[in-house]
Protein backbone atom coordinates (compact mmCIF):
# COMPACT_ATOMS: atom_id res chain seq x y z
CA MET A 1 -2.03 1.03 58.52
CA ASP A 2 -5.78 1.31 59.26
CA MET A 3 -7.34 0.82 62.67
CA SER A 4 -8.74 -2.64 61.99
CA LYS A 5 -5.27 -3.98 61.14
CA ARG A 6 -3.78 -2.39 64.21
CA ILE A 7 -6.41 -4.01 66.44
CA PHE A 8 -5.95 -7.40 64.75
CA THR A 9 -2.22 -7.19 65.03
CA THR A 10 -2.31 -6.19 68.64
CA VAL A 11 -4.70 -8.94 69.53
CA ARG A 12 -2.73 -11.55 67.55
CA TRP A 13 0.68 -10.78 68.87
CA ASN A 14 0.00 -9.72 72.38
CA PRO A 15 1.69 -12.28 74.64
CA GLU A 16 -0.64 -11.29 77.54
CA THR A 17 -3.78 -12.40 75.64
CA SER A 18 -5.30 -15.47 77.25
CA GLY A 19 -5.86 -18.37 74.84
CA ASN A 20 -5.00 -18.21 71.18
CA ALA A 21 -5.27 -15.23 68.82
CA GLN A 22 -8.75 -16.22 67.63
CA THR A 23 -9.98 -16.34 71.22
CA GLY A 24 -8.55 -12.86 71.86
CA LEU A 25 -10.26 -11.46 68.76
CA SER A 26 -13.58 -13.03 69.77
CA ALA A 27 -13.33 -11.31 73.13
CA ILE A 28 -12.65 -7.91 71.51
CA ARG A 29 -15.52 -8.06 68.99
CA PRO A 30 -18.35 -7.85 71.60
CA LEU A 31 -16.54 -4.94 73.25
CA VAL A 32 -16.19 -3.07 69.94
CA LEU A 33 -19.86 -3.77 69.17
CA LEU A 34 -20.90 -2.51 72.61
CA ILE A 35 -18.91 0.72 72.21
CA PHE A 36 -20.41 1.25 68.74
CA CYS A 37 -23.95 0.72 70.02
CA LEU A 38 -23.38 3.03 72.96
CA GLY A 39 -22.15 5.67 70.52
CA LEU A 40 -25.34 5.33 68.49
CA ALA A 41 -27.39 5.62 71.64
CA VAL A 42 -25.60 8.83 72.65
CA LEU A 43 -26.21 10.32 69.20
CA ALA A 44 -29.84 9.23 69.19
CA ASN A 45 -30.61 10.73 72.57
CA GLY A 46 -28.22 13.70 72.45
CA GLN A 47 -30.72 16.55 72.10
CA ASP A 48 -28.94 19.48 70.50
CA GLY A 49 -30.28 22.96 69.85
CA THR A 50 -28.92 26.04 68.16
CA LEU A 51 -30.17 29.59 67.52
CA SER A 52 -30.48 31.58 64.31
CA THR A 53 -32.15 34.63 62.80
CA ALA A 54 -35.81 34.29 61.85
CA THR A 55 -37.37 35.88 58.80
CA GLY A 56 -38.40 39.36 59.86
CA GLY A 57 -36.46 39.16 63.13
CA ILE A 58 -33.40 40.97 64.43
CA PRO A 59 -30.01 39.42 63.48
CA ILE A 60 -28.49 36.77 65.72
CA SER A 61 -24.76 36.31 65.27
CA GLY A 62 -21.83 34.61 66.98
CA SER A 63 -20.78 30.98 67.14
CA ARG A 64 -21.90 28.09 69.28
CA PRO A 65 -22.55 28.07 72.13
CA ASN A 66 -22.26 31.86 72.44
CA PHE A 67 -24.66 33.96 70.35
CA VAL A 68 -25.30 37.70 70.49
CA THR A 69 -28.00 40.09 69.37
CA GLY A 70 -28.91 43.73 69.95
CA PHE A 71 -32.16 45.61 70.51
CA GLY A 72 -30.65 49.02 69.78
CA THR A 73 -32.11 52.14 71.41
CA VAL A 74 -35.33 51.67 73.38
CA ASN A 75 -37.55 53.58 75.80
CA GLY A 76 -40.48 52.84 78.07
CA LEU A 77 -43.11 54.59 75.93
CA GLY A 78 -42.30 52.94 72.60
CA LEU A 79 -41.39 56.26 70.99
CA GLY A 80 -39.51 56.60 67.74
CA THR A 81 -38.70 53.87 65.25
CA PRO A 82 -37.38 50.58 66.69
CA ASN A 83 -34.62 48.58 65.02
CA GLN A 84 -35.68 46.60 61.98
CA GLY A 85 -37.08 43.27 63.13
CA LEU A 86 -38.63 44.61 66.33
CA THR A 87 -42.32 45.13 67.06
CA VAL A 88 -43.55 47.33 69.91
CA LEU A 89 -46.39 46.01 72.09
CA GLN A 90 -47.95 48.10 74.85
CA THR A 91 -48.22 46.34 78.19
CA SER A 92 -48.84 47.20 81.81
CA GLY A 93 -46.06 49.36 83.18
CA GLY A 94 -44.17 49.76 79.93
CA VAL A 95 -43.66 48.30 76.48
CA LEU A 96 -42.36 45.10 74.91
CA TYR A 97 -39.91 45.12 72.01
CA THR A 98 -40.55 41.72 70.43
CA THR A 99 -38.78 39.69 67.76
CA PRO A 100 -39.03 36.18 66.32
CA TYR A 101 -36.01 33.86 66.25
CA VAL A 102 -35.40 30.25 65.24
CA VAL A 103 -34.49 27.31 67.47
CA SER A 104 -33.14 24.38 65.48
CA ILE A 105 -33.35 20.93 67.13
CA SER A 106 -31.13 18.05 66.01
CA GLY A 107 -30.02 14.68 67.36
CA ALA A 108 -33.51 13.88 68.55
CA GLY A 109 -34.57 10.27 68.20
CA GLY A 110 -34.74 6.91 69.89
CA GLY A 111 -38.15 7.76 71.29
CA ASN A 112 -36.78 10.88 73.01
CA ARG A 113 -37.95 14.35 72.04
CA ALA A 114 -36.24 17.66 72.75
CA VAL A 115 -37.53 20.03 75.43
CA GLY A 116 -36.14 23.57 75.75
CA ARG A 117 -36.05 25.81 78.82
CA ILE A 118 -34.56 29.25 79.46
CA PHE A 119 -33.45 31.54 82.28
CA LEU A 120 -31.19 34.58 82.68
CA SER A 121 -27.74 33.38 83.61
CA SER A 122 -26.71 37.04 83.76
CA ASN A 123 -29.35 39.66 84.56
CA PHE A 124 -29.49 43.33 83.69
CA ALA A 125 -27.82 45.72 86.10
CA HIS A 126 -31.09 47.71 86.11
CA PRO A 127 -33.80 45.04 86.56
CA SER A 128 -36.41 47.61 87.63
CA VAL A 129 -36.26 49.13 84.16
CA LEU A 130 -35.31 46.21 81.90
CA GLY A 131 -36.43 42.59 81.69
CA VAL A 132 -36.69 39.68 79.26
CA ARG A 133 -39.93 37.91 78.37
CA SER A 134 -40.70 34.91 76.20
CA CYS A 135 -43.67 33.75 74.14
CA PRO A 136 -43.76 30.09 72.99
CA SER A 137 -44.58 29.15 69.42
CA THR A 138 -47.87 27.62 70.56
CA LEU A 139 -49.36 31.03 71.51
CA ASP A 140 -50.27 34.25 69.71
CA CYS A 141 -47.14 36.34 70.18
CA THR A 142 -48.78 39.53 68.92
CA ASN A 143 -50.60 39.57 72.28
CA ALA A 144 -48.53 41.04 75.09
CA ALA A 145 -50.45 38.94 77.63
CA ASN A 146 -48.86 35.76 76.21
CA TYR A 147 -45.32 36.75 77.20
CA THR A 148 -43.85 35.31 80.40
CA THR A 149 -41.03 36.89 82.39
CA VAL A 150 -37.77 34.95 82.02
CA PRO A 151 -36.52 34.13 85.56
CA THR A 152 -33.00 34.68 86.85
CA THR A 153 -32.30 31.20 88.25
CA GLN A 154 -32.02 27.82 86.58
CA ALA A 155 -34.22 26.29 89.26
CA SER A 156 -37.06 28.55 88.08
CA GLU A 157 -36.43 28.35 84.34
CA ILE A 158 -39.48 28.39 82.08
CA ASN A 159 -40.41 26.20 79.14
CA LEU A 160 -39.47 27.32 75.66
CA ILE A 161 -40.39 23.99 74.06
CA THR A 162 -42.80 22.19 76.38
CA PRO A 163 -42.99 18.42 76.96
CA PRO A 164 -43.45 16.10 75.15
CA GLY A 165 -41.13 18.27 73.04
CA VAL A 166 -40.26 18.11 69.37
CA LEU A 167 -38.19 15.95 67.08
CA ASN A 168 -35.59 17.32 64.69
CA GLY A 169 -36.57 20.56 62.94
CA ASN A 170 -36.96 24.32 63.32
CA VAL A 171 -39.25 26.09 65.78
CA THR A 172 -39.94 29.84 65.60
CA GLU A 173 -40.09 31.39 69.05
CA HIS A 174 -40.55 34.99 70.21
CA LEU A 175 -38.34 36.98 72.54
CA ALA A 176 -39.22 40.36 74.09
CA LEU A 177 -37.31 43.06 75.87
CA PHE A 178 -39.49 44.73 78.51
CA VAL A 179 -38.78 48.42 79.18
CA ALA A 180 -40.57 50.10 82.08
CA ASN A 181 -42.21 53.49 81.66
CA THR A 182 -41.10 54.53 85.13
CA GLY A 183 -37.62 55.11 86.47
CA SER A 184 -34.92 57.50 85.37
CA PHE A 185 -32.18 55.21 84.07
CA SER A 186 -30.56 56.25 80.80
CA GLY A 187 -27.58 54.35 79.43
CA THR A 188 -26.51 50.91 78.25
CA ASP A 189 -27.10 47.52 79.83
CA SER A 190 -26.82 43.83 78.98
CA ALA A 191 -28.11 40.40 79.97
CA THR A 192 -27.49 36.78 78.93
CA ILE A 193 -30.13 34.12 78.32
CA GLN A 194 -29.20 30.46 78.87
CA PHE A 195 -30.99 27.91 76.69
CA ASP A 196 -31.09 24.41 78.20
CA PHE A 197 -31.99 21.54 75.88
CA TYR A 198 -33.23 18.32 77.44
CA ALA A 199 -34.02 14.80 76.25
CA PHE A 200 -37.54 13.92 77.34
CA ASN A 201 -38.24 10.25 78.11
CA SER A 202 -42.00 9.96 77.60
CA SER A 203 -42.27 6.52 79.19
CA GLN A 204 -40.56 7.63 82.38
CA GLY A 205 -41.51 11.32 82.21
CA THR A 206 -37.92 12.37 82.88
CA LEU A 207 -35.71 15.11 81.47
CA THR A 208 -31.98 14.80 80.93
CA LEU A 209 -29.95 17.94 80.24
CA LYS A 210 -28.00 17.45 77.02
CA HIS A 211 -26.87 20.81 75.73
CA MET A 212 -26.68 24.55 76.54
CA GLU A 213 -26.59 27.66 74.36
CA PHE A 214 -26.20 31.31 75.40
CA LEU A 215 -27.68 34.47 73.86
CA THR A 216 -26.26 37.76 75.13
CA LEU A 217 -28.12 41.00 74.48
CA ASN A 218 -25.06 43.14 73.89
CA SER A 219 -24.37 43.55 70.20
CA PRO A 220 -24.97 46.45 70.29
CA PRO A 221 -25.77 46.92 73.99
CA VAL A 222 -29.32 47.85 74.89
CA THR A 223 -29.45 51.65 75.09
CA VAL A 224 -32.27 52.97 77.27
CA GLN A 225 -33.63 56.49 76.89
CA THR A 226 -35.74 58.11 79.57
CA ALA A 227 -39.14 58.89 78.04
CA THR A 228 -41.38 61.66 79.32
CA ALA A 229 -44.89 62.81 78.51
CA ASN A 230 -46.20 66.35 78.49
CA VAL A 231 -49.79 67.52 78.22
CA TYR A 232 -50.51 70.33 75.76
CA VAL A 233 -53.66 72.13 76.90
CA ALA A 234 -55.58 74.55 74.67
CA ASN A 235 -56.65 77.54 76.79
CA ASN A 236 -59.55 78.87 74.76
CA GLU A 237 -60.02 82.32 76.32
CA GLY A 238 -56.38 82.74 77.30
CA ASN A 239 -55.15 82.31 73.69
CA THR A 240 -52.29 80.15 74.96
CA VAL A 241 -51.24 76.53 75.22
CA SER A 242 -50.08 75.26 78.60
CA VAL A 243 -47.43 72.54 78.66
CA VAL A 244 -47.83 70.41 81.79
CA SER A 245 -45.58 67.54 82.92
CA GLN A 246 -47.52 64.30 83.20
CA SER A 247 -45.15 62.97 85.86
CA ASN A 248 -45.63 65.69 88.50
CA GLY A 249 -48.26 68.10 87.15
CA SER A 250 -45.86 71.03 87.03
CA LEU A 251 -46.18 73.77 84.40
CA VAL A 252 -43.33 73.30 81.92
CA ALA A 253 -44.10 76.17 79.53
CA THR A 254 -46.77 78.55 78.31
CA ILE A 255 -46.97 79.07 74.55
CA PRO A 256 -48.52 82.36 73.35
CA GLY A 257 -49.67 83.32 69.87
CA LEU A 258 -52.83 81.17 69.60
CA SER A 259 -56.28 82.51 68.72
CA CYS A 260 -59.23 80.93 70.54
CA PRO A 261 -57.50 77.52 70.63
CA ILE A 262 -59.80 74.52 71.02
CA GLY A 263 -58.41 71.15 69.90
CA ALA A 264 -54.93 69.72 70.41
CA ALA A 265 -53.32 66.57 68.98
CA ALA A 266 -49.77 65.25 68.99
CA THR A 267 -47.89 63.04 66.54
CA PRO A 268 -47.07 59.54 67.85
CA ASP A 269 -43.34 60.30 67.87
CA GLY A 270 -43.96 63.36 70.05
CA SER A 271 -42.20 65.79 67.74
CA LYS A 272 -45.16 68.04 66.94
CA VAL A 273 -48.44 69.20 68.44
CA TYR A 274 -51.29 70.60 66.33
CA VAL A 275 -53.70 73.13 67.87
CA THR A 276 -56.88 74.36 66.18
CA ASN A 277 -57.60 78.11 66.31
CA GLY A 278 -61.32 78.95 66.25
CA CYS A 279 -61.23 82.74 65.99
CA PRO A 280 -59.75 83.61 62.57
CA VAL A 281 -61.95 83.33 59.48
CA PRO A 282 -61.05 81.03 57.90
CA GLY A 283 -59.69 79.04 60.81
CA THR A 284 -56.11 77.91 61.26
CA VAL A 285 -54.02 75.16 62.83
CA SER A 286 -50.83 76.05 64.69
CA VAL A 287 -47.92 73.61 64.44
CA ILE A 288 -45.86 73.49 67.64
CA SER A 289 -42.39 71.93 67.89
CA THR A 290 -42.13 70.05 71.18
CA ALA A 291 -38.35 70.44 71.11
CA THR A 292 -38.62 74.22 71.44
CA ASN A 293 -42.29 74.73 72.37
CA GLN A 294 -42.48 77.29 69.59
CA ILE A 295 -45.04 77.70 66.80
CA THR A 296 -43.28 76.75 63.58
CA LYS A 297 -46.08 76.96 61.03
CA THR A 298 -49.72 77.98 60.57
CA ILE A 299 -52.05 75.96 58.32
CA THR A 300 -55.25 77.48 56.94
CA VAL A 301 -58.31 75.25 57.19
CA GLY A 302 -62.11 75.81 57.34
CA SER A 303 -64.08 78.15 59.56
CA ASN A 304 -64.18 77.44 63.30
CA PRO A 305 -61.92 74.35 63.42
CA THR A 306 -62.63 72.34 66.55
CA GLY A 307 -61.58 68.69 66.76
CA ALA A 308 -58.11 67.45 65.86
CA VAL A 309 -56.58 63.97 65.80
CA VAL A 310 -53.43 62.43 64.31
CA SER A 311 -53.78 58.93 62.85
CA PRO A 312 -51.97 56.18 64.77
CA ASP A 313 -49.49 55.73 61.91
CA GLY A 314 -48.57 59.40 62.33
CA LYS A 315 -49.12 60.30 58.70
CA THR A 316 -52.39 62.25 58.74
CA LEU A 317 -54.05 64.99 60.76
CA TYR A 318 -57.84 65.30 60.67
CA VAL A 319 -59.45 68.64 61.60
CA THR A 320 -63.21 69.26 61.88
CA ASN A 321 -64.40 72.65 60.64
CA GLN A 322 -67.58 73.29 62.59
CA ASP A 323 -69.08 76.26 60.74
CA VAL A 324 -68.70 74.95 57.19
CA GLY A 325 -69.39 71.24 57.69
CA THR A 326 -66.05 69.99 56.40
CA VAL A 327 -63.05 67.96 57.51
CA SER A 328 -59.56 69.08 56.51
CA ILE A 329 -57.10 66.24 55.87
CA ILE A 330 -53.49 67.30 56.42
CA SER A 331 -50.22 65.51 55.66
CA THR A 332 -47.99 65.59 58.74
CA ALA A 333 -44.92 65.18 56.54
CA THR A 334 -45.50 68.51 54.78
CA ASP A 335 -48.06 70.15 57.07
CA THR A 336 -50.27 70.96 54.11
CA VAL A 337 -53.94 70.27 53.41
CA THR A 338 -54.23 67.36 50.97
CA ALA A 339 -58.03 67.05 50.88
CA THR A 340 -61.23 68.63 52.20
CA VAL A 341 -64.24 66.39 52.76
CA LEU A 342 -67.74 67.89 52.87
CA ILE A 343 -69.81 66.01 55.44
CA GLY A 344 -72.54 68.50 56.37
CA GLY A 345 -73.93 69.43 59.75
CA SER A 346 -71.60 70.79 62.38
CA PRO A 347 -68.65 68.41 62.80
CA LEU A 348 -67.06 68.43 66.25
CA GLY A 349 -65.16 65.33 67.37
CA VAL A 350 -63.09 62.96 65.27
CA ALA A 351 -61.20 59.72 65.99
CA VAL A 352 -59.23 57.30 63.81
CA THR A 353 -59.26 53.49 63.95
CA PRO A 354 -56.08 51.82 65.28
CA ASP A 355 -55.12 50.63 61.78
CA SER A 356 -55.41 54.24 60.51
CA THR A 357 -57.78 53.23 57.70
CA GLN A 358 -60.95 55.04 58.80
CA ALA A 359 -61.89 58.27 60.54
CA TYR A 360 -65.16 58.60 62.48
CA VAL A 361 -66.53 62.14 62.66
CA ALA A 362 -69.36 63.23 64.99
CA SER A 363 -71.49 65.79 63.16
CA TYR A 364 -73.81 67.74 65.47
CA PRO A 365 -76.67 67.29 66.01
CA GLY A 366 -77.29 63.69 64.98
CA SER A 367 -74.93 61.75 62.72
CA VAL A 368 -71.55 60.07 62.52
CA ILE A 369 -69.65 60.10 59.22
CA VAL A 370 -67.07 57.46 58.26
CA ILE A 371 -64.19 58.62 56.03
CA ASN A 372 -61.90 56.24 54.15
CA ALA A 373 -58.34 57.38 54.82
CA SER A 374 -56.82 56.22 51.53
CA THR A 375 -59.45 57.81 49.29
CA ALA A 376 -60.55 60.73 51.49
CA SER A 377 -64.15 59.82 50.70
CA ILE A 378 -67.24 59.09 52.78
CA THR A 379 -67.96 55.37 53.07
CA ALA A 380 -70.85 55.43 55.57
CA THR A 381 -73.25 57.84 57.23
CA ILE A 382 -74.73 56.69 60.53
CA ASN A 383 -78.06 58.31 61.36
CA ASP A 384 -79.78 57.03 64.48
CA PRO A 385 -82.13 58.55 67.07
CA ALA A 386 -79.56 57.52 69.67
CA LEU A 387 -77.20 60.14 68.22
CA ASN A 388 -78.79 63.09 69.98
CA GLY A 389 -76.34 65.98 69.99
CA ALA A 390 -73.29 64.04 68.76
CA GLY A 391 -70.18 65.68 70.22
CA LEU A 392 -66.84 63.99 70.78
CA VAL A 393 -65.52 60.57 69.76
CA ALA A 394 -63.27 57.77 71.11
CA ILE A 395 -62.41 54.36 69.66
CA THR A 396 -61.41 51.25 71.61
CA PRO A 397 -57.81 50.04 71.14
CA ASN A 398 -59.00 46.93 69.29
CA GLY A 399 -60.98 49.11 66.88
CA SER A 400 -64.27 47.32 67.48
CA THR A 401 -66.31 50.10 69.07
CA VAL A 402 -66.75 53.83 68.58
CA TYR A 403 -68.11 55.87 71.50
CA VAL A 404 -69.88 59.20 70.87
CA SER A 405 -70.94 61.65 73.59
CA ASN A 406 -74.41 63.14 73.10
CA LEU A 407 -74.69 66.68 74.44
CA ILE A 408 -78.50 66.76 74.19
CA GLY A 409 -79.32 63.16 75.12
CA ASN A 410 -76.93 63.16 78.13
CA ASP A 411 -75.70 59.73 77.17
CA VAL A 412 -73.01 57.96 75.20
CA ALA A 413 -73.74 55.94 72.05
CA ALA A 414 -71.74 52.82 71.24
CA ILE A 415 -71.23 52.06 67.53
CA SER A 416 -69.98 48.76 66.13
CA THR A 417 -67.30 49.37 63.48
CA ALA A 418 -68.15 46.00 61.92
CA THR A 419 -71.68 47.09 61.03
CA ASN A 420 -71.58 50.88 61.58
CA THR A 421 -74.74 50.65 63.67
CA VAL A 422 -75.53 51.89 67.18
CA THR A 423 -75.44 48.96 69.61
CA ALA A 424 -76.01 50.72 72.96
CA SER A 425 -76.95 54.00 74.64
CA ILE A 426 -75.42 54.58 78.07
CA PRO A 427 -76.92 57.33 80.31
CA VAL A 428 -74.28 59.52 81.96
CA GLY A 429 -74.21 63.04 83.45
CA GLN A 430 -75.37 66.39 82.08
CA ILE A 431 -73.85 67.62 78.80
CA PRO A 432 -71.19 64.93 78.28
CA LEU A 433 -68.22 66.13 76.22
CA GLY A 434 -64.78 64.56 76.40
CA VAL A 435 -64.49 60.77 76.12
CA GLY A 436 -61.39 58.61 76.57
CA VAL A 437 -60.79 54.83 76.54
CA THR A 438 -58.07 53.26 78.70
CA LEU A 439 -55.15 51.61 76.95
CA ASP A 440 -56.42 48.14 77.77
CA GLY A 441 -59.84 49.03 76.36
CA THR A 442 -61.77 48.04 79.48
CA LEU A 443 -62.99 51.45 80.68
CA LEU A 444 -64.41 54.60 79.10
CA TYR A 445 -64.20 57.95 80.94
CA VAL A 446 -66.75 60.67 80.13
CA ALA A 447 -66.52 64.32 81.25
CA ASN A 448 -69.98 65.68 82.19
CA GLY A 449 -69.60 69.42 81.77
CA ALA A 450 -72.81 70.63 83.43
CA ASP A 451 -72.76 68.57 86.63
CA SER A 452 -68.96 68.53 87.06
CA THR A 453 -68.60 64.78 87.24
CA VAL A 454 -66.81 62.06 85.29
CA SER A 455 -68.66 58.83 84.46
CA VAL A 456 -66.72 55.55 84.26
CA ILE A 457 -68.15 52.97 81.86
CA ASN A 458 -67.29 49.28 81.69
CA THR A 459 -66.88 48.64 77.95
CA ALA A 460 -67.58 44.91 78.32
CA ASN A 461 -71.25 45.48 79.20
CA ASN A 462 -71.57 49.24 78.53
CA SER A 463 -72.69 50.04 82.06
CA VAL A 464 -71.62 52.89 84.38
CA VAL A 465 -69.48 51.46 87.18
CA ALA A 466 -68.48 54.71 88.90
CA THR A 467 -69.23 58.43 88.96
CA ILE A 468 -66.40 60.67 90.13
CA SER A 469 -67.14 64.15 91.51
CA GLY A 470 -64.87 67.06 92.37
CA PHE A 471 -64.41 68.65 88.94
CA ASP A 472 -65.29 72.16 87.79
CA GLY A 473 -66.80 72.36 84.33
CA PRO A 474 -64.89 69.36 82.89
CA GLU A 475 -64.60 69.14 79.10
CA GLY A 476 -61.41 67.56 77.73
CA VAL A 477 -60.31 64.03 78.61
CA ALA A 478 -56.95 62.38 77.85
CA VAL A 479 -55.35 59.06 78.79
CA THR A 480 -51.72 59.15 79.92
CA PRO A 481 -49.23 57.07 77.89
CA ASP A 482 -48.41 54.82 80.84
CA GLY A 483 -52.08 53.80 81.03
CA ASN A 484 -52.31 54.64 84.73
CA SER A 485 -54.17 57.94 84.73
CA ILE A 486 -56.92 60.04 83.13
CA LEU A 487 -56.46 63.78 82.71
CA VAL A 488 -59.48 66.11 82.80
CA ALA A 489 -59.55 69.79 81.79
CA ASN A 490 -61.66 71.98 84.11
CA THR A 491 -62.88 75.03 82.18
CA VAL A 492 -64.16 76.93 85.23
CA SER A 493 -61.26 76.50 87.68
CA ASN A 494 -58.59 76.63 84.94
CA THR A 495 -56.97 73.40 86.12
CA ILE A 496 -56.08 69.91 84.96
CA SER A 497 -57.17 67.08 87.29
CA THR A 498 -55.49 63.66 87.34
CA ILE A 499 -57.59 60.55 88.02
CA ALA A 500 -55.85 57.37 89.18
CA ILE A 501 -57.46 54.58 87.16
CA SER A 502 -56.74 52.00 89.86
CA THR A 503 -58.85 53.85 92.46
CA ASN A 504 -60.97 56.26 90.37
CA THR A 505 -59.96 59.12 92.65
CA ILE A 506 -58.50 62.54 91.88
CA THR A 507 -54.82 62.55 92.85
CA THR A 508 -53.50 65.92 91.65
CA SER A 509 -54.64 69.24 90.24
CA ALA A 510 -52.46 71.58 88.17
CA GLY A 511 -53.14 75.18 87.23
CA VAL A 512 -53.10 76.11 83.53
CA GLY A 513 -54.39 79.03 81.41
CA THR A 514 -57.84 80.55 81.08
CA THR A 515 -60.64 78.17 80.03
CA PRO A 516 -58.76 74.97 79.22
CA VAL A 517 -60.81 72.86 76.86
CA PHE A 518 -59.22 69.99 74.99
CA MET A 519 -55.82 68.42 75.37
CA GLY A 520 -53.18 66.56 73.41
CA MET A 521 -50.59 64.24 74.91
CA ALA A 522 -47.09 64.73 73.50
CA LEU A 523 -44.38 62.21 74.26
CA SER A 524 -40.72 63.12 74.20
CA LEU A 525 -37.29 61.69 75.00
CA LYS A 526 -34.68 63.20 77.28
């Protein structure tokens, strides 16, 4: 018997019903209608949200309301290859491992939209090393500055979907795991994010909590590796490479077997360091394994190789051969020369754009050559009176500006990569050599070899904002991976000085080999 017959029968034959059967049924009908309407109202205003994997994002699994996902193995320097679906963004104090995911909203209607908020209902056991950040769909989530720290209390929860909210449909959001580049924790850890979905009443401006979902970062658990950075210093007259710990300035190792070493460059994964040897004819490049600090291979290049740089994608090494006016292009996969580009002059410094598509080579005395990475061909030659003794090169992290030190002009030339023209000349100290741009792109540090100072340039207006003294024949400049310090090689005192970027003061000095010139930063994992 169906429900309507049961109700009718009950009403009709119930001796307690006041009045006749028809009167009883009339009394029930408004009640049934009221219950039905209330049910519709609950459905219309019952904001419901669920989570799922986004295209290109890491997998989200589990069943409602409990979902799980895993970030795999991470570290505070962004070394190695992250899990598929993760993107590494550098940020102050560490890195962000970011991923998109989908929030699906349903049950929204009746003039009420859905608003989403999140907080950590269960925090990491190591909050000084690990954290969770969120970027809403309304912002550019390729920019680390647009990520907000997810709080640990519901009272402080942040908006995921801001008022006035959205109606039914899918919204792609971005989640990030923050890993600090300080601290010594290695191991596994986990946290849980609570997603609160609210009905937003626009006329009253009120929120009513309707539904909760949970995403736990434990499948697999987050595995944190301690990341370290070592400085590989080419000691030109000592015929060695000094390995210095970035964290405390101590000498880790001394590698013999070099021959008038000048330039040093490391692969992004920290597995290898390349050092140019200027004495043999033709010149060579020594390949050093950072795991053993041993020379594993020697590559023959042109005469008097000087500058060395590995492309940001880690695939290509560029070496300038000063005496023969060429650039050797080397595959880091095979450690063999794949092309030699004749550029003329006396090439010294070289730098590669962040997208790894172009190399800029300073050719002494007065030009900068642009090499297309894919074709190994020259695409532009920049000749300008402002390039007076072109020496070493640095490129801003956004790839917009190339800076070239001028050994004769005692200044630094700024070149726009959009037009390949000189846009500014910035006077600095005597015989400027090494140049290095901070990770945030705001400052340029220039080693002035003859007057033993370092000039600090504001890249926004290309003006000198500080001059730091206390060096001794400075030449090489390197930026530490944590973005906090500048390292300077002192060729006279045979030391490496550390500059704190926050104060522009020298904080430490470490002894190395004889006549340290240029340096390469190599990152490694414990």
